[in-house]
C-alpha atoms as a PDB file:
ATOM      1  CA  MET A   1      14.273  -0.875   3.498  1.00  0.00           C
ATOM      2  CA  THR A   2      11.318  -1.091   4.832  1.00  0.00           C
ATOM      3  CA  THR A   3       8.820  -3.045   6.843  1.00  0.00           C
ATOM      4  CA  MET A   4       5.965  -4.070   4.785  1.00  0.00           C
ATOM      5  CA  LYS A   5       2.214  -4.793   6.671  1.00  0.00           C
ATOM      6  CA  LYS A   6       0.468  -8.168   5.470  1.00  0.00           C
ATOM      7  CA  LEU A   7      -3.730  -7.069   5.239  1.00  0.00           C
ATOM      8  CA  LYS A   8      -6.139  -9.093   4.680  1.00  0.00           C
ATOM      9  CA  SER A   9      -9.603  -9.110   4.431  1.00  0.00           C
ATOM     10  CA  ASN A  10     -11.927 -11.049   2.816  1.00  0.00           C
ATOM     11  CA  LYS A  11      -9.722 -13.635   2.257  1.00  0.00           C
ATOM     12  CA  VAL A  12      -8.025 -11.142   0.019  1.00  0.00           C
ATOM     13  CA  GLU A  13      -4.417 -10.255   1.140  1.00  0.00           C
ATOM     14  CA  MET A  14      -3.018  -7.334   0.641  1.00  0.00           C
ATOM     15  CA  LEU A  15      -0.102  -5.333   1.713  1.00  0.00           C
ATOM     16  CA  GLN A  16       0.886  -1.497   3.651  1.00  0.00           C
ATOM     17  CA  PHE A  17       3.982   0.353   3.670  1.00  0.00           C
ATOM     18  CA  SER A  18       4.038   0.717   8.173  1.00  0.00           C
ATOM     19  CA  GLY A  19       5.377   4.611   7.468  1.00  0.00           C
ATOM     20  CA  LEU A  20       2.548   5.226   5.579  1.00  0.00           C
ATOM     21  CA  SER A  21       0.387   3.370   7.416  1.00  0.00           C
ATOM     22  CA  GLY A  22       0.303   5.590  10.573  1.00  0.00           C
ATOM     23  CA  GLU A  23      -0.716   8.573   8.841  1.00  0.00           C
ATOM     24  CA  CYS A  24      -4.357   8.436  10.095  1.00  0.00           C
ATOM     25  CA  ASN A  25      -5.414  10.891   6.920  1.00  0.00           C
ATOM     26  CA  ILE A  26      -5.081   8.649   4.521  1.00  0.00           C
ATOM     27  CA  SER A  27      -5.004   4.771   3.681  1.00  0.00           C
ATOM     28  CA  HIS A  28      -3.669   3.157   1.374  1.00  0.00           C
ATOM     29  CA  PHE A  29      -2.713  -1.229  -0.546  1.00  0.00           C
ATOM     30  CA  ILE A  30      -0.943  -3.185  -2.320  1.00  0.00           C
ATOM     31  CA  THR A  31      -2.059  -6.207  -3.697  1.00  0.00           C
ATOM     32  CA  THR A  32      -0.453  -9.641  -3.580  1.00  0.00           C
ATOM     33  CA  ARG A  33      -1.904 -12.687  -5.938  1.00  0.00           C
ATOM     34  CA  HIS A  34      -3.561 -14.025  -3.507  1.00  0.00           C
ATOM     35  CA  GLY A  35      -7.114 -14.352  -2.524  1.00  0.00           C
ATOM     36  CA  GLY A  36      -9.149 -13.792  -6.225  1.00  0.00           C
ATOM     37  CA  VAL A  37     -11.206 -15.937  -8.441  1.00  0.00           C
ATOM     38  CA  SER A  38      -8.851 -15.706 -11.721  1.00  0.00           C
ATOM     39  CA  GLU A  39      -6.900 -18.747 -13.198  1.00  0.00           C
ATOM     40  CA  GLY A  40      -2.956 -19.676 -14.772  1.00  0.00           C
ATOM     41  CA  ASN A  41      -1.226 -16.627 -15.676  1.00  0.00           C
ATOM     42  CA  TYR A  42      -4.068 -14.905 -13.391  1.00  0.00           C
ATOM     43  CA  ALA A  43      -4.249 -17.188 -10.254  1.00  0.00           C
ATOM     44  CA  SER A  44      -5.561 -15.129  -8.329  1.00  0.00           C
ATOM     45  CA  MET A  45      -5.656 -11.969  -7.546  1.00  0.00           C
ATOM     46  CA  ASN A  46      -5.472 -10.598 -10.785  1.00  0.00           C
ATOM     47  CA  PRO A  47      -8.099  -7.117 -10.740  1.00  0.00           C
ATOM     48  CA  GLY A  48      -5.866  -5.911 -14.083  1.00  0.00           C
ATOM     49  CA  GLU A  49      -8.138  -4.822 -16.506  1.00  0.00           C
ATOM     50  CA  TYR A  50      -6.306  -4.094 -19.286  1.00  0.00           C
ATOM     51  CA  SER A  51      -3.659  -7.299 -18.241  1.00  0.00           C
ATOM     52  CA  GLY A  52      -5.947  -9.355 -21.037  1.00  0.00           C
ATOM     53  CA  ASP A  53      -7.705 -11.747 -18.438  1.00  0.00           C
ATOM     54  CA  ASN A  54     -11.905 -12.704 -18.513  1.00  0.00           C
ATOM     55  CA  PRO A  55     -13.152  -9.564 -17.260  1.00  0.00           C
ATOM     56  CA  ASP A  56     -15.724 -11.229 -15.665  1.00  0.00           C
ATOM     57  CA  SER A  57     -12.986 -12.527 -12.973  1.00  0.00           C
ATOM     58  CA  VAL A  58     -11.632  -9.758 -13.297  1.00  0.00           C
ATOM     59  CA  ARG A  59     -14.376  -7.533 -12.007  1.00  0.00           C
ATOM     60  CA  MET A  60     -14.726 -10.418  -9.571  1.00  0.00           C
ATOM     61  CA  ASN A  61     -11.870  -9.659  -8.221  1.00  0.00           C
ATOM     62  CA  ARG A  62     -11.986  -5.331  -8.042  1.00  0.00           C
ATOM     63  CA  GLN A  63     -15.101  -6.436  -6.120  1.00  0.00           C
ATOM     64  CA  LEU A  64     -13.781  -8.449  -3.785  1.00  0.00           C
ATOM     65  CA  LEU A  65     -11.245  -5.703  -3.663  1.00  0.00           C
ATOM     66  CA  LEU A  66     -13.306  -2.937  -3.068  1.00  0.00           C
ATOM     67  CA  ASP A  67     -15.821  -4.543  -0.529  1.00  0.00           C
ATOM     68  CA  ALA A  68     -12.011  -4.626   1.526  1.00  0.00           C
ATOM     69  CA  ILE A  69     -10.823  -1.034   1.549  1.00  0.00           C
ATOM     70  CA  GLY A  70     -14.733  -1.044   1.378  1.00  0.00           C
ATOM     71  CA  ILE A  71     -15.779   2.342  -1.568  1.00  0.00           C
ATOM     72  CA  SER A  72     -17.242   1.882  -4.837  1.00  0.00           C
ATOM     73  CA  PRO A  73     -16.560   0.696  -8.208  1.00  0.00           C
ATOM     74  CA  GLU A  74     -16.929   4.430  -9.744  1.00  0.00           C
ATOM     75  CA  ARG A  75     -14.621   5.664  -6.690  1.00  0.00           C
ATOM     76  CA  ILE A  76     -11.029   3.540  -7.705  1.00  0.00           C
ATOM     77  CA  PHE A  77      -9.310   4.957 -10.417  1.00  0.00           C
ATOM     78  CA  VAL A  78      -6.903   3.468 -12.609  1.00  0.00           C
ATOM     79  CA  PRO A  79      -5.227   4.730 -15.275  1.00  0.00           C
ATOM     80  CA  TYR A  80      -4.207   2.917 -19.205  1.00  0.00           C
ATOM     81  CA  GLN A  81      -0.540   3.726 -19.343  1.00  0.00           C
ATOM     82  CA  VAL A  82       1.420   3.530 -21.714  1.00  0.00           C
ATOM     83  CA  HIS A  83       5.356   4.025 -20.114  1.00  0.00           C
ATOM     84  CA  GLU A  84       5.568   7.352 -20.715  1.00  0.00           C
ATOM     85  CA  ALA A  85       5.109  10.535 -18.235  1.00  0.00           C
ATOM     86  CA  ASP A  86       2.035  12.202 -18.538  1.00  0.00           C
ATOM     87  CA  ILE A  87       0.023  13.325 -15.339  1.00  0.00           C
ATOM     88  CA  GLY A  88      -3.803  12.904 -14.598  1.00  0.00           C
ATOM     89  CA  CYS A  89      -5.092  14.978 -11.567  1.00  0.00           C
ATOM     90  CA  ILE A  90      -8.676  14.237 -10.329  1.00  0.00           C
ATOM     91  CA  ASN A  91     -10.252  16.364  -9.327  1.00  0.00           C
ATOM     92  CA  ALA A  92     -14.374  17.079  -8.989  1.00  0.00           C
ATOM     93  CA  ASP A  93     -14.101  18.141 -13.156  1.00  0.00           C
ATOM     94  CA  PHE A  94     -13.106  15.340 -13.541  1.00  0.00           C
ATOM     95  CA  LEU A  95     -15.711  13.584 -11.378  1.00  0.00           C
ATOM     96  CA  SER A  96     -18.487  15.154 -13.292  1.00  0.00           C
ATOM     97  CA  LEU A  97     -17.642  13.537 -16.598  1.00  0.00           C
ATOM     98  CA  THR A  98     -18.967  10.106 -17.654  1.00  0.00           C
ATOM     99  CA  THR A  99     -17.984   6.759 -17.191  1.00  0.00           C
ATOM    100  CA  VAL A 100     -16.782   6.562 -20.670  1.00  0.00           C
ATOM    101  CA  ARG A 101     -15.090   9.871 -20.309  1.00  0.00           C
ATOM    102  CA  GLN A 102     -12.952   9.352 -17.476  1.00  0.00           C
ATOM    103  CA  LYS A 103     -11.955   6.199 -18.939  1.00  0.00           C
ATOM    104  CA  GLU A 104     -10.752   8.396 -21.861  1.00  0.00           C
ATOM    105  CA  GLU A 105      -9.315  11.079 -20.205  1.00  0.00           C
ATOM    106  CA  MET A 106      -7.191   8.484 -17.991  1.00  0.00           C
ATOM    107  CA  ASN A 107      -5.713   7.194 -21.062  1.00  0.00           C
ATOM    108  CA  GLY A 108      -2.248   7.276 -21.313  1.00  0.00           C
ATOM    109  CA  LYS A 109      -1.573   8.430 -18.107  1.00  0.00           C
ATOM    110  CA  ASP A 110       1.289   6.287 -16.082  1.00  0.00           C
ATOM    111  CA  ALA A 111       0.395   8.995 -12.701  1.00  0.00           C
ATOM    112  CA  LEU A 112      -2.865  10.209 -11.093  1.00  0.00           C
ATOM    113  CA  VAL A 113      -3.093  12.733  -8.338  1.00  0.00           C
ATOM    114  CA  THR A 114      -5.983  14.008  -6.102  1.00  0.00           C
ATOM    115  CA  ASP A 115      -6.951  15.942  -3.293  1.00  0.00           C
ATOM    116  CA  MET A 116     -10.449  14.807  -3.802  1.00  0.00           C
ATOM    117  CA  PRO A 117     -11.501  12.546   0.128  1.00  0.00           C
ATOM    118  CA  GLY A 118     -12.975   8.829  -0.438  1.00  0.00           C
ATOM    119  CA  VAL A 119     -11.247   8.630  -3.957  1.00  0.00           C
ATOM    120  CA  CYS A 120      -8.684   6.381  -4.595  1.00  0.00           C
ATOM    121  CA  ILE A 121      -5.939   6.156  -7.172  1.00  0.00           C
ATOM    122  CA  ALA A 122      -3.611   3.257  -8.017  1.00  0.00           C
ATOM    123  CA  VAL A 123      -1.721   2.137 -11.350  1.00  0.00           C
ATOM    124  CA  SER A 124      -1.634  -1.888 -12.506  1.00  0.00           C
ATOM    125  CA  THR A 125       2.422  -3.295 -12.337  1.00  0.00           C
ATOM    126  CA  ALA A 126       3.360  -6.435 -12.827  1.00  0.00           C
ATOM    127  CA  ASP A 127       7.959  -5.855 -12.065  1.00  0.00           C
ATOM    128  CA  CYS A 128       7.151  -1.660 -13.624  1.00  0.00           C
ATOM    129  CA  VAL A 129       8.031   0.170 -10.389  1.00  0.00           C
ATOM    130  CA  PRO A 130       5.083   1.569  -8.533  1.00  0.00           C
ATOM    131  CA  VAL A 131       5.181   4.563  -6.425  1.00  0.00           C
ATOM    132  CA  LEU A 132       2.774   6.401  -3.625  1.00  0.00           C
ATOM    133  CA  VAL A 133       3.145   9.214  -2.374  1.00  0.00           C
ATOM    134  CA  TYR A 134       1.429  11.753   0.193  1.00  0.00           C
ATOM    135  CA  ALA A 135       1.635  14.892   0.593  1.00  0.00           C
ATOM    136  CA  PRO A 136       0.446  15.786   4.560  1.00  0.00           C
ATOM    137  CA  ASP A 137       0.451  19.948   4.474  1.00  0.00           C
ATOM    138  CA  LYS A 138      -2.455  19.601   1.639  1.00  0.00           C
ATOM    139  CA  ASN A 139      -3.804  16.362   2.181  1.00  0.00           C
ATOM    140  CA  VAL A 140      -2.454  15.144  -1.245  1.00  0.00           C
ATOM    141  CA  VAL A 141      -1.764  11.818  -2.777  1.00  0.00           C
ATOM    142  CA  ALA A 142      -0.197  10.604  -5.779  1.00  0.00           C
ATOM    143  CA  ALA A 143       0.341   6.573  -7.124  1.00  0.00           C
ATOM    144  CA  ILE A 144       2.842   6.696  -9.813  1.00  0.00           C
ATOM    145  CA  HIS A 145       3.654   3.916 -12.630  1.00  0.00           C
ATOM    146  CA  ALA A 146       7.391   3.729 -13.230  1.00  0.00           C
ATOM    147  CA  GLY A 147       8.781   1.005 -14.865  1.00  0.00           C
ATOM    148  CA  TRP A 148      12.252   1.996 -17.058  1.00  0.00           C
ATOM    149  CA  ARG A 149      11.452   3.825 -20.151  1.00  0.00           C
ATOM    150  CA  GLY A 150       9.154   6.312 -16.969  1.00  0.00           C
ATOM    151  CA  THR A 151      12.050   6.037 -15.111  1.00  0.00           C
ATOM    152  CA  VAL A 152      13.771   7.843 -17.703  1.00  0.00           C
ATOM    153  CA  LYS A 153      11.884  10.538 -18.640  1.00  0.00           C
ATOM    154  CA  GLN A 154      11.348  11.591 -14.806  1.00  0.00           C
ATOM    155  CA  ILE A 155       7.758  10.317 -14.113  1.00  0.00           C
ATOM    156  CA  VAL A 156       8.346  10.581 -10.448  1.00  0.00           C
ATOM    157  CA  ALA A 157      10.095  13.356 -10.345  1.00  0.00           C
ATOM    158  CA  LYS A 158       7.677  15.587 -12.351  1.00  0.00           C
ATOM    159  CA  THR A 159       4.755  13.931 -10.159  1.00  0.00           C
ATOM    160  CA  ILE A 160       6.055  15.747  -7.871  1.00  0.00           C
ATOM    161  CA  GLY A 161       6.626  18.709  -9.535  1.00  0.00           C
ATOM    162  CA  TYR A 162       3.326  18.853 -10.007  1.00  0.00           C
ATOM    163  CA  MET A 163       2.091  17.934  -6.952  1.00  0.00           C
ATOM    164  CA  VAL A 164       4.276  21.341  -6.034  1.00  0.00           C
ATOM    165  CA  ALA A 165       2.786  23.628  -8.747  1.00  0.00           C
ATOM    166  CA  HIS A 166      -0.529  22.038  -9.120  1.00  0.00           C
ATOM    167  CA  TYR A 167      -1.732  22.566  -4.671  1.00  0.00           C
ATOM    168  CA  GLY A 168       1.665  23.916  -2.603  1.00  0.00           C
ATOM    169  CA  CYS A 169       2.580  20.737  -1.232  1.00  0.00           C
ATOM    170  CA  GLU A 170       6.337  20.821   0.825  1.00  0.00           C
ATOM    171  CA  PRO A 171       8.234  17.532  -1.126  1.00  0.00           C
ATOM    172  CA  SER A 172      10.379  18.065   2.726  1.00  0.00           C
ATOM    173  CA  CYS A 173       6.569  16.980   4.177  1.00  0.00           C
ATOM    174  CA  MET A 174       6.044  14.661   1.634  1.00  0.00           C
ATOM    175  CA  LEU A 175       5.827  10.122   2.191  1.00  0.00           C
ATOM    176  CA  ALA A 176       6.569   7.239  -0.022  1.00  0.00           C
ATOM    177  CA  GLY A 177       6.594   3.956  -0.744  1.00  0.00           C
ATOM    178  CA  ILE A 178       8.226   2.404  -3.493  1.00  0.00           C
ATOM    179  CA  ALA A 179       6.263  -1.066  -3.474  1.00  0.00           C
ATOM    180  CA  PRO A 180       7.053  -4.416  -4.319  1.00  0.00           C
ATOM    181  CA  SER A 181       8.772  -4.051  -8.301  1.00  0.00           C
ATOM    182  CA  ILE A 182      12.022  -5.609  -9.988  1.00  0.00           C
ATOM    183  CA  CYS A 183      15.145  -5.211  -7.925  1.00  0.00           C
ATOM    184  CA  LYS A 184      18.325  -4.672  -9.528  1.00  0.00           C
ATOM    185  CA  ASP A 185      19.691  -8.556  -9.590  1.00  0.00           C
ATOM    186  CA  SER A 186      16.905  -9.840 -11.180  1.00  0.00           C
ATOM    187  CA  PHE A 187      16.893  -6.244 -13.946  1.00  0.00           C
ATOM    188  CA  GLU A 188      19.209  -7.035 -16.576  1.00  0.00           C
ATOM    189  CA  VAL A 189      19.177  -5.072 -19.081  1.00  0.00           C
ATOM    190  CA  GLY A 190      20.882  -4.454 -22.796  1.00  0.00           C
ATOM    191  CA  ASP A 191      23.126  -2.031 -24.005  1.00  0.00           C
ATOM    192  CA  GLU A 192      19.764   0.377 -25.634  1.00  0.00           C
ATOM    193  CA  VAL A 193      18.398   0.682 -21.933  1.00  0.00           C
ATOM    194  CA  VAL A 194      21.893   1.113 -20.542  1.00  0.00           C
ATOM    195  CA  ALA A 195      22.023   4.278 -22.736  1.00  0.00           C
ATOM    196  CA  ALA A 196      18.944   6.113 -22.249  1.00  0.00           C
ATOM    197  CA  PHE A 197      19.800   6.063 -18.603  1.00  0.00           C
ATOM    198  CA  GLN A 198      23.173   7.592 -19.385  1.00  0.00           C
ATOM    199  CA  ALA A 199      21.969   9.527 -21.663  1.00  0.00           C
ATOM    200  CA  THR A 200      20.005  11.556 -18.718  1.00  0.00           C
ATOM    201  CA  GLY A 201      22.710  11.963 -16.880  1.00  0.00           C
ATOM    202  CA  GLY A 202      23.290  10.910 -13.794  1.00  0.00           C
ATOM    203  CA  ASP A 203      25.554   8.786 -11.897  1.00  0.00           C
ATOM    204  CA  MET A 204      25.519   5.602 -13.176  1.00  0.00           C
ATOM    205  CA  ASN A 205      27.222   3.773 -10.756  1.00  0.00           C
ATOM    206  CA  ARG A 206      24.289   4.725  -8.047  1.00  0.00           C
ATOM    207  CA  ILE A 207      22.378   3.021 -10.452  1.00  0.00           C
ATOM    208  CA  MET A 208      23.659  -0.306 -12.775  1.00  0.00           C
ATOM    209  CA  GLU A 209      26.361  -2.652 -12.393  1.00  0.00           C
ATOM    210  CA  ARG A 210      27.791  -5.212 -13.962  1.00  0.00           C
ATOM    211  CA  ASN A 211      26.923  -9.010 -13.821  1.00  0.00           C
ATOM    212  CA  ILE A 212      31.205 -10.858 -13.289  1.00  0.00           C
ATOM    213  CA  GLN A 213      30.062 -14.080 -14.759  1.00  0.00           C
ATOM    214  CA  THR A 214      27.603 -12.860 -18.074  1.00  0.00           C
ATOM    215  CA  GLY A 215      29.166  -9.037 -18.535  1.00  0.00           C
ATOM    216  CA  LYS A 216      25.194  -8.391 -18.633  1.00  0.00           C
ATOM    217  CA  ALA A 217      24.107  -4.716 -17.095  1.00  0.00           C
ATOM    218  CA  HIS A 218      21.650  -4.867 -13.719  1.00  0.00           C
ATOM    219  CA  ILE A 219      19.631  -1.342 -13.203  1.00  0.00           C
ATOM    220  CA  ASP A 220      18.591  -0.512 -10.098  1.00  0.00           C
ATOM    221  CA  LEU A 221      15.178   1.002 -10.414  1.00  0.00           C
ATOM    222  CA  TRP A 222      14.293   1.382  -6.749  1.00  0.00           C
ATOM    223  CA  GLU A 223      17.654   3.568  -6.318  1.00  0.00           C
ATOM    224  CA  ALA A 224      16.764   5.210  -9.139  1.00  0.00           C
ATOM    225  CA  ASN A 225      12.980   6.597  -8.376  1.00  0.00           C
ATOM    226  CA  ARG A 226      14.766   6.987  -4.742  1.00  0.00           C
ATOM    227  CA  ILE A 227      17.513   9.806  -6.281  1.00  0.00           C
ATOM    228  CA  GLN A 228      14.620  11.287  -8.032  1.00  0.00           C
ATOM    229  CA  LEU A 229      12.900  11.701  -4.610  1.00  0.00           C
ATOM    230  CA  LEU A 230      15.589  13.744  -2.923  1.00  0.00           C
ATOM    231  CA  GLN A 231      16.428  15.434  -5.586  1.00  0.00           C
ATOM    232  CA  SER A 232      13.106  16.410  -5.318  1.00  0.00           C
ATOM    233  CA  GLY A 233      13.460  17.237  -1.974  1.00  0.00           C
ATOM    234  CA  LEU A 234      11.740  14.141   0.222  1.00  0.00           C
ATOM    235  CA  ARG A 235      13.337  13.098   2.678  1.00  0.00           C
ATOM    236  CA  SER A 236      15.506  10.096   2.857  1.00  0.00           C
ATOM    237  CA  GLU A 237      13.687   8.766   6.321  1.00  0.00           C
ATOM    238  CA  HIS A 238       9.993   9.608   4.454  1.00  0.00           C
ATOM    239  CA  ILE A 239      10.958   7.043   1.375  1.00  0.00           C
ATOM    240  CA  GLU A 240       9.833   3.261   1.714  1.00  0.00           C
ATOM    241  CA  ILE A 241      11.011   1.335  -0.357  1.00  0.00           C
ATOM    242  CA  SER A 242       9.744  -2.192  -0.649  1.00  0.00           C
ATOM    243  CA  GLY A 243      12.469  -4.721  -0.712  1.00  0.00           C
ATOM    244  CA  ILE A 244      10.611  -6.970  -2.192  1.00  0.00           C
ATOM    245  CA  CYS A 245      11.667  -8.305  -5.272  1.00  0.00           C
ATOM    246  CA  THR A 246       8.508  -9.705  -8.034  1.00  0.00           C
ATOM    247  CA  PHE A 247      10.640 -12.257 -10.475  1.00  0.00           C
ATOM    248  CA  GLN A 248      12.408 -13.426  -7.176  1.00  0.00           C
ATOM    249  CA  HIS A 249       8.636 -13.463  -5.372  1.00  0.00           C
ATOM    250  CA  HIS A 250       6.511 -14.044  -8.015  1.00  0.00           C
ATOM    251  CA  ASN A 251       3.808 -16.521  -6.077  1.00  0.00           C
ATOM    252  CA  ASP A 252       3.107 -14.328  -4.120  1.00  0.00           C
ATOM    253  CA  PHE A 253       3.146 -11.025  -6.941  1.00  0.00           C
ATOM    254  CA  PHE A 254       2.679 -11.017 -10.528  1.00  0.00           C
ATOM    255  CA  SER A 255       5.451 -11.381 -13.187  1.00  0.00           C
ATOM    256  CA  ALA A 256       5.697 -10.331 -16.136  1.00  0.00           C
ATOM    257  CA  ARG A 257       8.886 -11.470 -17.216  1.00  0.00           C
ATOM    258  CA  ARG A 258       8.447 -14.461 -15.626  1.00  0.00           C
ATOM    259  CA  LEU A 259       4.470 -15.296 -16.519  1.00  0.00           C
ATOM    260  CA  GLY A 260       4.273 -13.512 -19.529  1.00  0.00           C
ATOM    261  CA  VAL A 261       2.517 -10.240 -21.313  1.00  0.00           C
ATOM    262  CA  LYS A 262      -0.633 -11.998 -20.742  1.00  0.00           C
ATOM    263  CA  SER A 263      -0.204 -12.171 -16.538  1.00  0.00           C
ATOM    264  CA  GLY A 264      -1.512 -10.535 -13.602  1.00  0.00           C
ATOM    265  CA  ARG A 265      -1.234  -7.568 -12.240  1.00  0.00           C
ATOM    266  CA  ILE A 266      -0.542  -5.939  -8.890  1.00  0.00           C
ATOM    267  CA  LEU A 267      -2.653  -2.603  -7.926  1.00  0.00           C
ATOM    268  CA  SER A 268      -1.024  -0.432  -5.648  1.00  0.00           C
ATOM    269  CA  GLY A 269      -3.596   1.891  -4.275  1.00  0.00           C
ATOM    270  CA  ILE A 270      -4.493   4.752  -2.128  1.00  0.00           C
ATOM    271  CA  MET A 271      -7.055   7.612  -1.035  1.00  0.00           C
ATOM    272  CA  ILE A 272      -7.870   9.737   0.940  1.00  0.00           C
ATOM    273  CA  LYS A 273      -9.978   9.773   3.878  1.00  0.00           C
ATOM    274  CA  ASP A 274     -13.501  10.952   4.154  1.00  0.00           C
END
């Protein structure tokens, strides 16, 4: 577990990983529920445009966030996620597309990778696991959405592999942060989810345990994704885990299990500085 740093700018409250924040070539953030204009289950800082919130509120929240991190609306990219393991690349060709075409290209992507300075890539979550990665040797960043389905489909490992194959990144140099998301104690799952993880051939003793009272299985998504990072070649000391459970801390972070699907999202983003 790591100690998260708090950021507050223009009333928008955000967090940073202590390790990643020490890297001068990048900036990153994880939003909280605080500092926006949305109401009800979306209160108050909901920048998730695919969440069912009032579009005007989402636009205002996005602008508050963009003002806080100092970029323009056309420089932040958040895909429409579908719990698969497809990866999108934000490169010069992508940036030359119209806004409509850019959205089409990002549709169905659950991870984004870029080496373009001044471009923020982000994923939206509300219990699923956001993973931010930085490869300092090639100045490449990635933002990954790993729900349980994406974790089973090895999206984190596939993204690291993509960075190696397309940019020549060295995994042992990479830094990664596993942002606030649902913890093992809160993530009770059915037998079909257990079976899906078992089918991957991994060591279930490392990622699952059963509640003594209920007999229900609980999956540790933090550890499951940390294992993928380690098996991809990252060093243990380069992996930060926030240790913050969105389900338990639902007053500070959105939790779909607490609030339902029609609720807000946190954004976890990363950017190479200009």
